[in-house]
C-alpha atoms as a PDB file:
ATOM      1  CA  UNK A   1      -1.630  23.405  26.511  1.00  0.00           C
ATOM      2  CA  UNK A   2      -3.071  20.811  23.947  1.00  0.00           C
ATOM      3  CA  UNK A   3      -2.353  20.687  20.349  1.00  0.00           C
ATOM      4  CA  UNK A   4      -5.783  21.527  18.250  1.00  0.00           C
ATOM      5  CA  UNK A   5      -6.479  18.678  15.679  1.00  0.00           C
ATOM      6  CA  UNK A   6      -6.989  19.705  12.523  1.00  0.00           C
ATOM      7  CA  UNK A   7      -9.143  18.004   9.991  1.00  0.00           C
ATOM      8  CA  UNK A   8      -7.697  17.755   6.099  1.00  0.00           C
ATOM      9  CA  UNK A   9      -9.777  18.882   3.823  1.00  0.00           C
ATOM     10  CA  UNK A  10     -10.540  17.188   0.918  1.00  0.00           C
ATOM     11  CA  UNK A  11      -9.025  18.807  -2.485  1.00  0.00           C
ATOM     12  CA  UNK A  12     -12.284  18.901  -4.224  1.00  0.00           C
ATOM     13  CA  UNK A  13     -14.508  20.147  -1.036  1.00  0.00           C
ATOM     14  CA  UNK A  14     -17.652  22.032  -2.560  1.00  0.00           C
ATOM     15  CA  UNK A  15     -17.291  21.257  -5.967  1.00  0.00           C
ATOM     16  CA  UNK A  16     -20.281  19.908  -7.665  1.00  0.00           C
ATOM     17  CA  UNK A  17     -20.175  17.447 -10.487  1.00  0.00           C
ATOM     18  CA  UNK A  18     -23.066  16.208 -12.484  1.00  0.00           C
ATOM     19  CA  UNK A  19     -22.750  12.902 -14.295  1.00  0.00           C
ATOM     20  CA  UNK A  20     -25.019  11.566 -17.364  1.00  0.00           C
ATOM     21  CA  UNK A  21     -22.142   8.911 -17.458  1.00  0.00           C
ATOM     22  CA  UNK A  22     -23.157   5.305 -17.502  1.00  0.00           C
ATOM     23  CA  UNK A  23     -21.476   1.532 -17.466  1.00  0.00           C
ATOM     24  CA  UNK A  24     -18.034   1.615 -16.059  1.00  0.00           C
ATOM     25  CA  UNK A  25     -15.530   4.678 -17.054  1.00  0.00           C
ATOM     26  CA  UNK A  26     -17.960   7.306 -16.156  1.00  0.00           C
ATOM     27  CA  UNK A  27     -19.020   5.904 -12.945  1.00  0.00           C
ATOM     28  CA  UNK A  28     -15.435   4.995 -11.646  1.00  0.00           C
ATOM     29  CA  UNK A  29     -14.157   8.401 -12.510  1.00  0.00           C
ATOM     30  CA  UNK A  30     -17.149   9.782 -10.492  1.00  0.00           C
ATOM     31  CA  UNK A  31     -16.261   7.472  -7.832  1.00  0.00           C
ATOM     32  CA  UNK A  32     -12.622   8.490  -7.486  1.00  0.00           C
ATOM     33  CA  UNK A  33     -13.792  12.427  -7.694  1.00  0.00           C
ATOM     34  CA  UNK A  34     -16.244  11.638  -4.826  1.00  0.00           C
ATOM     35  CA  UNK A  35     -13.198   9.814  -3.083  1.00  0.00           C
ATOM     36  CA  UNK A  36     -11.306  13.551  -3.261  1.00  0.00           C
ATOM     37  CA  UNK A  37     -13.956  15.236  -1.776  1.00  0.00           C
ATOM     38  CA  UNK A  38     -16.455  16.373  -4.874  1.00  0.00           C
ATOM     39  CA  UNK A  39     -20.443  16.564  -4.472  1.00  0.00           C
ATOM     40  CA  UNK A  40     -21.642  14.165  -7.042  1.00  0.00           C
ATOM     41  CA  UNK A  41     -24.830  13.628  -8.591  1.00  0.00           C
ATOM     42  CA  UNK A  42     -25.509  10.869 -11.074  1.00  0.00           C
ATOM     43  CA  UNK A  43     -28.407  11.525 -13.343  1.00  0.00           C
ATOM     44  CA  UNK A  44     -29.822   8.208 -14.906  1.00  0.00           C
ATOM     45  CA  UNK A  45     -31.904   7.335 -17.515  1.00  0.00           C
ATOM     46  CA  UNK A  46     -35.411   5.449 -16.870  1.00  0.00           C
ATOM     47  CA  UNK A  47     -33.898   2.513 -18.073  1.00  0.00           C
ATOM     48  CA  UNK A  48     -31.476   2.460 -15.510  1.00  0.00           C
ATOM     49  CA  UNK A  49     -27.925   1.848 -15.615  1.00  0.00           C
ATOM     50  CA  UNK A  50     -26.766  -1.216 -17.549  1.00  0.00           C
ATOM     51  CA  UNK A  51     -23.967  -1.698 -15.036  1.00  0.00           C
ATOM     52  CA  UNK A  52     -26.870  -2.992 -12.474  1.00  0.00           C
ATOM     53  CA  UNK A  53     -27.454  -5.746 -14.497  1.00  0.00           C
ATOM     54  CA  UNK A  54     -23.575  -6.767 -15.820  1.00  0.00           C
ATOM     55  CA  UNK A  55     -22.802  -6.849 -11.945  1.00  0.00           C
ATOM     56  CA  UNK A  56     -24.842  -5.600  -9.201  1.00  0.00           C
ATOM     57  CA  UNK A  57     -21.961  -5.675  -7.098  1.00  0.00           C
ATOM     58  CA  UNK A  58     -19.601  -3.183  -9.038  1.00  0.00           C
ATOM     59  CA  UNK A  59     -22.667  -0.810  -9.518  1.00  0.00           C
ATOM     60  CA  UNK A  60     -23.369  -0.845  -5.781  1.00  0.00           C
ATOM     61  CA  UNK A  61     -19.819   0.031  -5.443  1.00  0.00           C
ATOM     62  CA  UNK A  62     -19.222   2.561  -7.802  1.00  0.00           C
ATOM     63  CA  UNK A  63     -22.266   4.356  -6.324  1.00  0.00           C
ATOM     64  CA  UNK A  64     -21.411   4.105  -2.920  1.00  0.00           C
ATOM     65  CA  UNK A  65     -22.011   7.699  -1.303  1.00  0.00           C
ATOM     66  CA  UNK A  66     -23.345   8.847  -4.960  1.00  0.00           C
ATOM     67  CA  UNK A  67     -26.280  10.777  -5.126  1.00  0.00           C
ATOM     68  CA  UNK A  68     -28.736   9.428  -8.101  1.00  0.00           C
ATOM     69  CA  UNK A  69     -31.707  10.846  -9.904  1.00  0.00           C
ATOM     70  CA  UNK A  70     -33.788   9.487 -12.720  1.00  0.00           C
ATOM     71  CA  UNK A  71     -34.579  11.753 -15.838  1.00  0.00           C
ATOM     72  CA  UNK A  72     -35.801  11.339 -19.212  1.00  0.00           C
ATOM     73  CA  UNK A  73     -33.467  13.839 -20.769  1.00  0.00           C
ATOM     74  CA  UNK A  74     -35.939  13.498 -24.028  1.00  0.00           C
ATOM     75  CA  UNK A  75     -38.733  15.287 -22.218  1.00  0.00           C
ATOM     76  CA  UNK A  76     -38.318  18.948 -21.689  1.00  0.00           C
ATOM     77  CA  UNK A  77     -39.235  19.334 -18.370  1.00  0.00           C
ATOM     78  CA  UNK A  78     -36.795  16.705 -17.116  1.00  0.00           C
ATOM     79  CA  UNK A  79     -34.198  18.480 -19.408  1.00  0.00           C
ATOM     80  CA  UNK A  80     -35.080  21.727 -17.575  1.00  0.00           C
ATOM     81  CA  UNK A  81     -34.499  20.245 -14.292  1.00  0.00           C
ATOM     82  CA  UNK A  82     -30.981  19.083 -15.663  1.00  0.00           C
ATOM     83  CA  UNK A  83     -30.245  22.572 -16.780  1.00  0.00           C
ATOM     84  CA  UNK A  84     -31.065  23.702 -13.233  1.00  0.00           C
ATOM     85  CA  UNK A  85     -28.537  21.695 -11.678  1.00  0.00           C
ATOM     86  CA  UNK A  86     -26.009  22.670 -14.306  1.00  0.00           C
ATOM     87  CA  UNK A  87     -26.590  26.148 -13.144  1.00  0.00           C
ATOM     88  CA  UNK A  88     -24.771  25.464  -9.723  1.00  0.00           C
ATOM     89  CA  UNK A  89     -22.554  22.612 -11.035  1.00  0.00           C
ATOM     90  CA  UNK A  90     -19.016  22.822 -11.797  1.00  0.00           C
ATOM     91  CA  UNK A  91     -18.391  20.062 -13.890  1.00  0.00           C
ATOM     92  CA  UNK A  92     -20.447  17.522 -16.301  1.00  0.00           C
ATOM     93  CA  UNK A  93     -19.055  14.284 -17.306  1.00  0.00           C
ATOM     94  CA  UNK A  94     -20.824  12.297 -19.854  1.00  0.00           C
ATOM     95  CA  UNK A  95     -20.111   9.243 -21.950  1.00  0.00           C
ATOM     96  CA  UNK A  96     -22.419   9.715 -25.147  1.00  0.00           C
ATOM     97  CA  UNK A  97     -21.274   9.594 -28.515  1.00  0.00           C
ATOM     98  CA  UNK A  98     -21.066  13.555 -29.829  1.00  0.00           C
ATOM     99  CA  UNK A  99     -24.182  12.707 -31.965  1.00  0.00           C
ATOM    100  CA  UNK A 100     -26.281  11.805 -28.865  1.00  0.00           C
ATOM    101  CA  UNK A 101     -25.520  14.961 -26.944  1.00  0.00           C
ATOM    102  CA  UNK A 102     -26.493  16.953 -29.950  1.00  0.00           C
ATOM    103  CA  UNK A 103     -29.794  15.515 -30.091  1.00  0.00           C
ATOM    104  CA  UNK A 104     -30.430  16.173 -26.690  1.00  0.00           C
ATOM    105  CA  UNK A 105     -29.488  19.725 -27.046  1.00  0.00           C
ATOM    106  CA  UNK A 106     -26.390  19.418 -25.222  1.00  0.00           C
ATOM    107  CA  UNK A 107     -23.409  20.083 -27.142  1.00  0.00           C
ATOM    108  CA  UNK A 108     -20.675  21.957 -25.929  1.00  0.00           C
ATOM    109  CA  UNK A 109     -21.467  25.345 -27.565  1.00  0.00           C
ATOM    110  CA  UNK A 110     -25.091  25.628 -25.865  1.00  0.00           C
ATOM    111  CA  UNK A 111     -23.939  24.226 -22.731  1.00  0.00           C
ATOM    112  CA  UNK A 112     -21.157  26.728 -22.706  1.00  0.00           C
ATOM    113  CA  UNK A 113     -23.409  29.423 -23.785  1.00  0.00           C
ATOM    114  CA  UNK A 114     -26.112  28.817 -20.945  1.00  0.00           C
ATOM    115  CA  UNK A 115     -23.562  27.381 -18.185  1.00  0.00           C
ATOM    116  CA  UNK A 116     -19.999  29.650 -19.042  1.00  0.00           C
ATOM    117  CA  UNK A 117     -18.275  28.398 -16.193  1.00  0.00           C
ATOM    118  CA  UNK A 118     -19.352  24.656 -16.317  1.00  0.00           C
ATOM    119  CA  UNK A 119     -16.533  22.225 -17.256  1.00  0.00           C
ATOM    120  CA  UNK A 120     -17.746  19.342 -19.799  1.00  0.00           C
ATOM    121  CA  UNK A 121     -15.462  16.240 -19.456  1.00  0.00           C
ATOM    122  CA  UNK A 122     -16.766  13.827 -22.235  1.00  0.00           C
ATOM    123  CA  UNK A 123     -15.668   9.938 -22.280  1.00  0.00           C
ATOM    124  CA  UNK A 124     -15.501   8.695 -25.977  1.00  0.00           C
ATOM    125  CA  UNK A 125     -14.549   5.765 -27.104  1.00  0.00           C
ATOM    126  CA  UNK A 126     -12.079   7.089 -29.639  1.00  0.00           C
ATOM    127  CA  UNK A 127     -11.055  11.095 -30.560  1.00  0.00           C
ATOM    128  CA  UNK A 128     -12.367  13.480 -32.453  1.00  0.00           C
ATOM    129  CA  UNK A 129     -14.721  11.827 -35.693  1.00  0.00           C
ATOM    130  CA  UNK A 130     -13.702   8.244 -34.965  1.00  0.00           C
ATOM    131  CA  UNK A 131     -15.887   9.016 -31.364  1.00  0.00           C
ATOM    132  CA  UNK A 132     -18.962   8.130 -33.266  1.00  0.00           C
ATOM    133  CA  UNK A 133     -17.591   4.429 -34.234  1.00  0.00           C
ATOM    134  CA  UNK A 134     -18.848   1.771 -31.792  1.00  0.00           C
ATOM    135  CA  UNK A 135     -16.515   0.346 -29.733  1.00  0.00           C
ATOM    136  CA  UNK A 136     -15.477  -1.217 -25.975  1.00  0.00           C
ATOM    137  CA  UNK A 137     -12.967  -1.711 -23.638  1.00  0.00           C
ATOM    138  CA  UNK A 138     -11.944  -5.253 -25.503  1.00  0.00           C
ATOM    139  CA  UNK A 139     -11.713  -3.694 -28.879  1.00  0.00           C
ATOM    140  CA  UNK A 140      -9.456  -0.970 -27.831  1.00  0.00           C
ATOM    141  CA  UNK A 141      -7.229  -3.032 -26.123  1.00  0.00           C
ATOM    142  CA  UNK A 142      -6.933  -5.108 -29.159  1.00  0.00           C
ATOM    143  CA  UNK A 143      -5.792  -2.084 -31.270  1.00  0.00           C
ATOM    144  CA  UNK A 144      -2.977  -1.536 -29.157  1.00  0.00           C
ATOM    145  CA  UNK A 145      -2.091  -5.305 -29.134  1.00  0.00           C
ATOM    146  CA  UNK A 146      -2.842  -5.605 -25.774  1.00  0.00           C
ATOM    147  CA  UNK A 147      -5.314  -8.788 -26.538  1.00  0.00           C
ATOM    148  CA  UNK A 148      -3.328 -12.386 -26.885  1.00  0.00           C
ATOM    149  CA  UNK A 149      -4.764 -15.413 -28.132  1.00  0.00           C
ATOM    150  CA  UNK A 150      -8.317 -16.070 -27.279  1.00  0.00           C
ATOM    151  CA  UNK A 151      -7.791 -15.417 -23.574  1.00  0.00           C
ATOM    152  CA  UNK A 152      -9.567 -12.076 -22.573  1.00  0.00           C
ATOM    153  CA  UNK A 153      -7.910  -9.691 -20.537  1.00  0.00           C
ATOM    154  CA  UNK A 154      -7.762 -10.049 -16.561  1.00  0.00           C
ATOM    155  CA  UNK A 155      -9.584  -6.658 -16.049  1.00  0.00           C
ATOM    156  CA  UNK A 156     -11.003  -3.679 -17.945  1.00  0.00           C
ATOM    157  CA  UNK A 157      -8.011  -1.363 -18.193  1.00  0.00           C
ATOM    158  CA  UNK A 158      -9.223   0.830 -20.982  1.00  0.00           C
ATOM    159  CA  UNK A 159     -12.252   1.465 -19.026  1.00  0.00           C
ATOM    160  CA  UNK A 160     -10.673   2.187 -15.843  1.00  0.00           C
ATOM    161  CA  UNK A 161      -7.450   3.909 -17.491  1.00  0.00           C
ATOM    162  CA  UNK A 162     -10.158   6.143 -19.122  1.00  0.00           C
ATOM    163  CA  UNK A 163     -11.516   6.856 -16.036  1.00  0.00           C
ATOM    164  CA  UNK A 164      -8.324   8.135 -14.199  1.00  0.00           C
ATOM    165  CA  UNK A 165      -7.870  10.412 -17.302  1.00  0.00           C
ATOM    166  CA  UNK A 166     -11.315  11.960 -16.926  1.00  0.00           C
ATOM    167  CA  UNK A 167     -10.288  12.676 -13.422  1.00  0.00           C
ATOM    168  CA  UNK A 168      -7.331  14.389 -14.669  1.00  0.00           C
ATOM    169  CA  UNK A 169      -9.132  16.269 -17.009  1.00  0.00           C
ATOM    170  CA  UNK A 170     -11.533  17.574 -14.292  1.00  0.00           C
ATOM    171  CA  UNK A 171      -8.299  18.589 -12.390  1.00  0.00           C
ATOM    172  CA  UNK A 172      -6.754  20.431 -15.422  1.00  0.00           C
ATOM    173  CA  UNK A 173      -9.791  22.168 -16.495  1.00  0.00           C
ATOM    174  CA  UNK A 174     -10.094  23.470 -12.721  1.00  0.00           C
ATOM    175  CA  UNK A 175      -6.693  24.874 -12.890  1.00  0.00           C
ATOM    176  CA  UNK A 176      -7.597  26.431 -16.411  1.00  0.00           C
ATOM    177  CA  UNK A 177     -10.669  27.866 -14.780  1.00  0.00           C
ATOM    178  CA  UNK A 178      -8.776  29.574 -11.971  1.00  0.00           C
ATOM    179  CA  UNK A 179      -6.855  31.045 -14.321  1.00  0.00           C
ATOM    180  CA  UNK A 180      -9.375  32.271 -16.886  1.00  0.00           C
ATOM    181  CA  UNK A 181     -12.870  32.251 -15.110  1.00  0.00           C
ATOM    182  CA  UNK A 182     -14.163  30.284 -17.856  1.00  0.00           C
ATOM    183  CA  UNK A 183     -15.310  26.516 -18.203  1.00  0.00           C
ATOM    184  CA  UNK A 184     -13.867  24.326 -20.894  1.00  0.00           C
ATOM    185  CA  UNK A 185     -14.399  21.636 -22.857  1.00  0.00           C
ATOM    186  CA  UNK A 186     -12.535  17.853 -22.739  1.00  0.00           C
ATOM    187  CA  UNK A 187     -12.701  14.868 -24.677  1.00  0.00           C
ATOM    188  CA  UNK A 188     -11.247  11.756 -22.966  1.00  0.00           C
ATOM    189  CA  UNK A 189     -10.948   8.535 -25.322  1.00  0.00           C
ATOM    190  CA  UNK A 190     -10.829   5.155 -24.086  1.00  0.00           C
ATOM    191  CA  UNK A 191      -8.317   4.158 -26.851  1.00  0.00           C
ATOM    192  CA  UNK A 192      -6.086   6.708 -25.852  1.00  0.00           C
ATOM    193  CA  UNK A 193      -6.032   4.929 -22.405  1.00  0.00           C
ATOM    194  CA  UNK A 194      -5.367   1.870 -24.045  1.00  0.00           C
ATOM    195  CA  UNK A 195      -2.658   3.462 -26.383  1.00  0.00           C
ATOM    196  CA  UNK A 196      -1.142   5.042 -22.544  1.00  0.00           C
ATOM    197  CA  UNK A 197      -1.372   1.729 -20.926  1.00  0.00           C
ATOM    198  CA  UNK A 198       0.356  -0.478 -23.929  1.00  0.00           C
ATOM    199  CA  UNK A 199       3.413   1.950 -24.158  1.00  0.00           C
ATOM    200  CA  UNK A 200       5.795  -0.370 -22.126  1.00  0.00           C
ATOM    201  CA  UNK A 201       4.797  -3.205 -24.868  1.00  0.00           C
ATOM    202  CA  UNK A 202       5.742  -0.526 -27.557  1.00  0.00           C
ATOM    203  CA  UNK A 203       9.224   0.021 -26.010  1.00  0.00           C
ATOM    204  CA  UNK A 204       9.649  -3.668 -25.893  1.00  0.00           C
ATOM    205  CA  UNK A 205      10.061  -3.748 -22.199  1.00  0.00           C
ATOM    206  CA  UNK A 206       7.043  -6.476 -21.864  1.00  0.00           C
ATOM    207  CA  UNK A 207       7.960  -8.435 -25.003  1.00  0.00           C
ATOM    208  CA  UNK A 208      10.043 -11.573 -24.636  1.00  0.00           C
ATOM    209  CA  UNK A 209      13.304  -9.596 -25.248  1.00  0.00           C
ATOM    210  CA  UNK A 210      12.650  -7.443 -22.545  1.00  0.00           C
ATOM    211  CA  UNK A 211      13.498  -7.598 -19.013  1.00  0.00           C
ATOM    212  CA  UNK A 212      10.046  -7.304 -17.459  1.00  0.00           C
ATOM    213  CA  UNK A 213       8.666  -9.542 -20.241  1.00  0.00           C
ATOM    214  CA  UNK A 214      10.656 -12.888 -19.440  1.00  0.00           C
ATOM    215  CA  UNK A 215      14.449 -11.915 -20.371  1.00  0.00           C
ATOM    216  CA  UNK A 216      15.445 -11.528 -16.767  1.00  0.00           C
ATOM    217  CA  UNK A 217      15.262 -14.758 -14.822  1.00  0.00           C
ATOM    218  CA  UNK A 218      14.537 -12.626 -11.588  1.00  0.00           C
ATOM    219  CA  UNK A 219      11.435 -10.942 -13.060  1.00  0.00           C
ATOM    220  CA  UNK A 220       9.081 -14.246 -14.015  1.00  0.00           C
ATOM    221  CA  UNK A 221       6.511 -16.355 -12.877  1.00  0.00           C
ATOM    222  CA  UNK A 222       7.371 -20.039 -11.802  1.00  0.00           C
ATOM    223  CA  UNK A 223       5.715 -23.046 -10.283  1.00  0.00           C
ATOM    224  CA  UNK A 224       6.443 -23.830  -6.920  1.00  0.00           C
ATOM    225  CA  UNK A 225       5.524 -26.883  -4.670  1.00  0.00           C
ATOM    226  CA  UNK A 226       1.713 -26.011  -3.876  1.00  0.00           C
ATOM    227  CA  UNK A 227       1.248 -22.857  -6.520  1.00  0.00           C
ATOM    228  CA  UNK A 228       3.191 -20.199  -8.365  1.00  0.00           C
ATOM    229  CA  UNK A 229       5.432 -17.270  -7.305  1.00  0.00           C
ATOM    230  CA  UNK A 230       5.667 -14.056  -9.104  1.00  0.00           C
ATOM    231  CA  UNK A 231       9.419 -12.917  -8.248  1.00  0.00           C
ATOM    232  CA  UNK A 232      10.055  -9.067  -9.286  1.00  0.00           C
ATOM    233  CA  UNK A 233      14.053  -9.282  -8.234  1.00  0.00           C
ATOM    234  CA  UNK A 234      14.777  -6.686 -10.998  1.00  0.00           C
ATOM    235  CA  UNK A 235      17.087  -4.200  -9.595  1.00  0.00           C
ATOM    236  CA  UNK A 236      20.823  -5.788  -9.192  1.00  0.00           C
ATOM    237  CA  UNK A 237      20.513  -5.556  -5.124  1.00  0.00           C
ATOM    238  CA  UNK A 238      17.308  -7.865  -5.316  1.00  0.00           C
ATOM    239  CA  UNK A 239      18.738 -10.086  -8.080  1.00  0.00           C
ATOM    240  CA  UNK A 240      22.009 -10.639  -5.748  1.00  0.00           C
ATOM    241  CA  UNK A 241      19.675 -11.256  -2.909  1.00  0.00           C
ATOM    242  CA  UNK A 242      17.815 -13.642  -4.922  1.00  0.00           C
ATOM    243  CA  UNK A 243      20.906 -15.631  -6.045  1.00  0.00           C
ATOM    244  CA  UNK A 244      22.016 -15.805  -2.519  1.00  0.00           C
ATOM    245  CA  UNK A 245      18.545 -17.478  -1.335  1.00  0.00           C
ATOM    246  CA  UNK A 246      18.941 -19.850  -4.465  1.00  0.00           C
ATOM    247  CA  UNK A 247      22.483 -20.519  -3.944  1.00  0.00           C
ATOM    248  CA  UNK A 248      23.696 -18.891  -6.768  1.00  0.00           C
ATOM    249  CA  UNK A 249      26.982 -17.118  -7.503  1.00  0.00           C
ATOM    250  CA  UNK A 250      26.093 -13.137  -6.588  1.00  0.00           C
ATOM    251  CA  UNK A 251      27.163 -12.040 -10.127  1.00  0.00           C
ATOM    252  CA  UNK A 252      24.863 -14.587 -11.813  1.00  0.00           C
ATOM    253  CA  UNK A 253      23.974 -13.382 -15.487  1.00  0.00           C
ATOM    254  CA  UNK A 254      20.128 -13.052 -14.862  1.00  0.00           C
ATOM    255  CA  UNK A 255      19.601 -13.269 -18.542  1.00  0.00           C
ATOM    256  CA  UNK A 256      21.361 -16.707 -19.439  1.00  0.00           C
ATOM    257  CA  UNK A 257      18.807 -19.524 -19.736  1.00  0.00           C
ATOM    258  CA  UNK A 258      20.617 -21.779 -17.165  1.00  0.00           C
ATOM    259  CA  UNK A 259      19.729 -19.131 -14.604  1.00  0.00           C
ATOM    260  CA  UNK A 260      16.298 -19.285 -14.955  1.00  0.00           C
ATOM    261  CA  UNK A 261      16.598 -23.288 -15.444  1.00  0.00           C
ATOM    262  CA  UNK A 262      18.402 -22.897 -11.971  1.00  0.00           C
ATOM    263  CA  UNK A 263      15.686 -20.813 -10.179  1.00  0.00           C
ATOM    264  CA  UNK A 264      12.771 -22.737 -11.716  1.00  0.00           C
ATOM    265  CA  UNK A 265      14.491 -26.177  -9.848  1.00  0.00           C
ATOM    266  CA  UNK A 266      14.766 -23.880  -6.765  1.00  0.00           C
ATOM    267  CA  UNK A 267      11.313 -22.745  -6.643  1.00  0.00           C
ATOM    268  CA  UNK A 268       9.771 -26.014  -7.525  1.00  0.00           C
ATOM    269  CA  UNK A 269      11.324 -27.691  -4.472  1.00  0.00           C
ATOM    270  CA  UNK A 270       9.608 -24.688  -2.160  1.00  0.00           C
ATOM    271  CA  UNK A 271       6.065 -24.396  -0.878  1.00  0.00           C
ATOM    272  CA  UNK A 272       4.379 -20.819  -0.808  1.00  0.00           C
ATOM    273  CA  UNK A 273       5.007 -20.741   2.613  1.00  0.00           C
ATOM    274  CA  UNK A 274       8.573 -21.120   2.598  1.00  0.00           C
ATOM    275  CA  UNK A 275       9.139 -18.759  -0.034  1.00  0.00           C
ATOM    276  CA  UNK A 276       6.977 -15.945   1.826  1.00  0.00           C
ATOM    277  CA  UNK A 277       9.347 -16.293   4.398  1.00  0.00           C
ATOM    278  CA  UNK A 278      12.254 -16.565   2.739  1.00  0.00           C
ATOM    279  CA  UNK A 279      11.081 -12.945   0.907  1.00  0.00           C
ATOM    280  CA  UNK A 280      10.359 -11.432   4.319  1.00  0.00           C
ATOM    281  CA  UNK A 281      13.804 -12.514   5.759  1.00  0.00           C
ATOM    282  CA  UNK A 282      15.593 -11.483   2.668  1.00  0.00           C
ATOM    283  CA  UNK A 283      13.779  -8.091   1.646  1.00  0.00           C
ATOM    284  CA  UNK A 284      12.659  -9.558  -1.721  1.00  0.00           C
ATOM    285  CA  UNK A 285       9.625  -8.323  -3.889  1.00  0.00           C
ATOM    286  CA  UNK A 286       7.746 -11.700  -4.194  1.00  0.00           C
ATOM    287  CA  UNK A 287       4.510 -12.984  -3.962  1.00  0.00           C
ATOM    288  CA  UNK A 288       3.112 -16.538  -3.725  1.00  0.00           C
ATOM    289  CA  UNK A 289       0.065 -17.526  -5.335  1.00  0.00           C
ATOM    290  CA  UNK A 290      -2.216 -20.613  -5.356  1.00  0.00           C
ATOM    291  CA  UNK A 291      -2.192 -22.769  -8.710  1.00  0.00           C
END
């Protein structure tokens, strides 16, 4: 007798999400909701989404499999079309300032009156009254002390973190609606996402005195013969394995300056390929990088 094959149902199958959110956080959240099975519709203004100009590649990836429609929400007929979509939608995702939503006639009070089961998730820069103050990923990161010197962060942490918080808000709202049968309003702030991502720094985990900030010789980036090596031998068993590979005593003090010096010499005398081979053989968390 053959075993039946069951295709797993995605958790958000049959959920309908309408998004007015532009740029990165909103579309990134929509991409995640689509990956969970949601039926997603993106409403663009006649001018299009600015991400098309910033990065056509990013825009294409973010909107892969997402239905789109152009509407001028300042025109009554197009606004009526949006409300027709919302009649059957579960979630409305926005990234306007609250004042802009009010000007369009889409504040939470009006939306809730017309569409009682609708969930509104607003992605804003900062919470409450601060939502009207202009800002961007860079400024929210800077406020949390996550921008050092004149170097830009390597990625858009607040935007992408905010996208995940928006998905979290959708999931929480769905649980609440299942209990009470009504929609709810959630405001997700990118500044809160930056603050969340910055917590390890406030705990001094990533400062120079912290074990993952450089104080632990087994958790650093070292130069090697033909590039760099990121080693994360933080736990005692990994640290002992690293010491064994580098011909150091098993109980070497990983916070002593001489240990970092000895490891620096070891890595400097090995190539990326050699180090990758050693990492595989000795179960070490290590990533060899080009210069």
